Amino acid sequence: MNISNQIKENLEQRRSIHEEDDFGLERNWAELTNILSMNEDETINYLKNCSKEDVLLISSVFDDVSEKIQSRKFISCLRELDKKFPDLKLTFFIDDAEGYIKN
């Protein structure tokens, strides 16, 4: 299964998890982080083409993915998403994610 399909499947699972199910959310976020960290280019391609709703769900793991992949290119993509969807108010999450990059 390609990364795009794995992300879509994960986000569908996420939508079915109750907001108060901390264990379920943590498990889902860990899985999403692993998927998004597998291939930077495929992840960026997915992010550039996904829906606003998907970006909102994925924003919860921006920092974890950033810490794993250590990529300025990823942060640049997130900044583009912030401009594309200003109503999501992603700047704080992106700044936080950027803080996880060493150097």
Protein backbone atom coordinates (compact mmCIF):
# COMPACT_ATOMS: atom_id res chain seq x y z
CA MET A 1 0.00 0.00 0.00
CA ASN A 2 1.43 3.40 -0.93
CA ILE A 3 1.86 6.22 1.56
CA SER A 4 -1.09 8.19 0.23
CA ASN A 5 -3.46 5.27 0.82
CA GLN A 6 -1.96 4.62 4.26
CA ILE A 7 -2.50 8.26 5.24
CA LYS A 8 -6.10 8.20 3.99
CA GLU A 9 -6.78 4.98 5.91
CA ASN A 10 -5.22 6.40 9.08
CA LEU A 11 -7.25 9.61 8.83
CA GLU A 12 -10.46 7.63 8.39
CA GLN A 13 -9.60 5.70 11.55
CA ARG A 14 -8.84 9.00 13.31
CA ARG A 15 -12.25 10.39 12.41
CA SER A 16 -13.88 7.42 14.15
CA ILE A 17 -11.93 7.83 17.43
CA HIS A 18 -13.78 9.66 20.20
CA GLU A 19 -12.08 12.90 21.32
CA GLU A 20 -11.82 11.61 24.90
CA ASP A 21 -10.15 8.32 23.89
CA ASP A 22 -6.61 9.41 24.75
CA PHE A 23 -5.10 5.97 24.17
CA GLY A 24 -6.77 5.64 20.77
CA LEU A 25 -5.67 9.13 19.74
CA GLU A 26 -2.08 8.55 20.85
CA ARG A 27 -1.90 5.24 19.00
CA ASN A 28 -3.36 6.83 15.86
CA TRP A 29 -0.95 9.80 16.04
CA ALA A 30 2.05 7.46 16.47
CA GLU A 31 0.98 5.46 13.41
CA LEU A 32 0.38 8.64 11.38
CA THR A 33 3.80 9.98 12.39
CA ASN A 34 5.45 6.77 11.20
CA ILE A 35 3.60 6.86 7.88
CA LEU A 36 4.42 10.53 7.24
CA SER A 37 8.08 9.93 8.14
CA MET A 38 8.59 7.06 5.67
CA ASN A 39 9.16 9.12 2.55
CA GLU A 40 9.54 12.90 2.70
CA ASP A 41 8.78 13.56 -0.97
CA GLU A 42 5.61 11.43 -0.99
CA THR A 43 4.47 13.07 2.24
CA ILE A 44 5.01 16.56 0.85
CA ASN A 45 3.19 15.62 -2.34
CA TYR A 46 0.26 14.32 -0.31
CA LEU A 47 0.15 17.45 1.85
CA LYS A 48 0.18 19.75 -1.17
CA ASN A 49 -2.88 18.01 -2.58
CA CYS A 50 -4.95 17.03 0.45
CA SER A 51 -8.09 18.63 1.82
CA LYS A 52 -8.26 21.30 4.48
CA GLU A 53 -9.84 18.77 6.85
CA ASP A 54 -6.94 16.37 6.34
CA VAL A 55 -4.40 19.14 6.97
CA LEU A 56 -6.16 19.97 10.23
CA LEU A 57 -5.97 16.35 11.42
CA ILE A 58 -2.35 15.96 10.30
CA SER A 59 -1.33 19.19 12.05
CA SER A 60 -1.47 17.34 15.37
CA VAL A 61 1.70 15.45 14.38
CA PHE A 62 3.66 18.19 12.56
CA ASP A 63 6.16 18.37 15.43
CA ASP A 64 6.67 14.60 15.69
CA VAL A 65 7.21 14.24 11.94
CA SER A 66 9.57 17.20 11.90
CA GLU A 67 11.62 15.69 14.71
CA LYS A 68 11.92 12.41 12.80
CA ILE A 69 12.70 13.67 9.31
CA GLN A 70 14.71 16.80 10.20
CA SER A 71 13.75 18.61 6.99
CA ARG A 72 13.54 22.28 6.08
CA LYS A 73 11.72 21.20 2.91
CA PHE A 74 8.95 19.74 5.10
CA ILE A 75 8.68 23.00 7.07
CA SER A 76 8.51 24.93 3.79
CA CYS A 77 5.60 22.75 2.71
CA LEU A 78 3.84 23.42 6.01
CA ARG A 79 4.31 27.17 5.54
CA GLU A 80 2.67 26.86 2.10
CA LEU A 81 -0.27 25.06 3.72
CA ASP A 82 -0.54 27.88 6.26
CA LYS A 83 -0.92 30.36 3.39
CA LYS A 84 -3.36 28.10 1.53
CA PHE A 85 -5.56 27.57 4.61
CA PRO A 86 -5.10 30.69 6.80
CA ASP A 87 -8.30 29.99 8.73
CA LEU A 88 -6.70 26.85 10.22
CA LYS A 89 -4.21 29.06 12.09
CA LEU A 90 -1.33 26.62 11.68
CA THR A 91 1.52 29.08 12.33
CA PHE A 92 1.98 28.09 15.99
CA PHE A 93 2.11 24.38 15.13
CA ILE A 94 4.57 25.00 12.29
CA ASP A 95 6.81 27.17 14.46
CA ASP A 96 6.76 24.41 17.07
CA ALA A 97 7.61 21.78 14.44
CA GLU A 98 10.48 23.92 13.16
CA GLY A 99 11.89 24.02 16.69
CA TYR A 100 12.47 20.26 16.53
CA ILE A 101 14.94 20.59 13.67
CA LYS A 102 18.55 20.47 14.82
CA ASN A 103 20.91 23.01 13.19
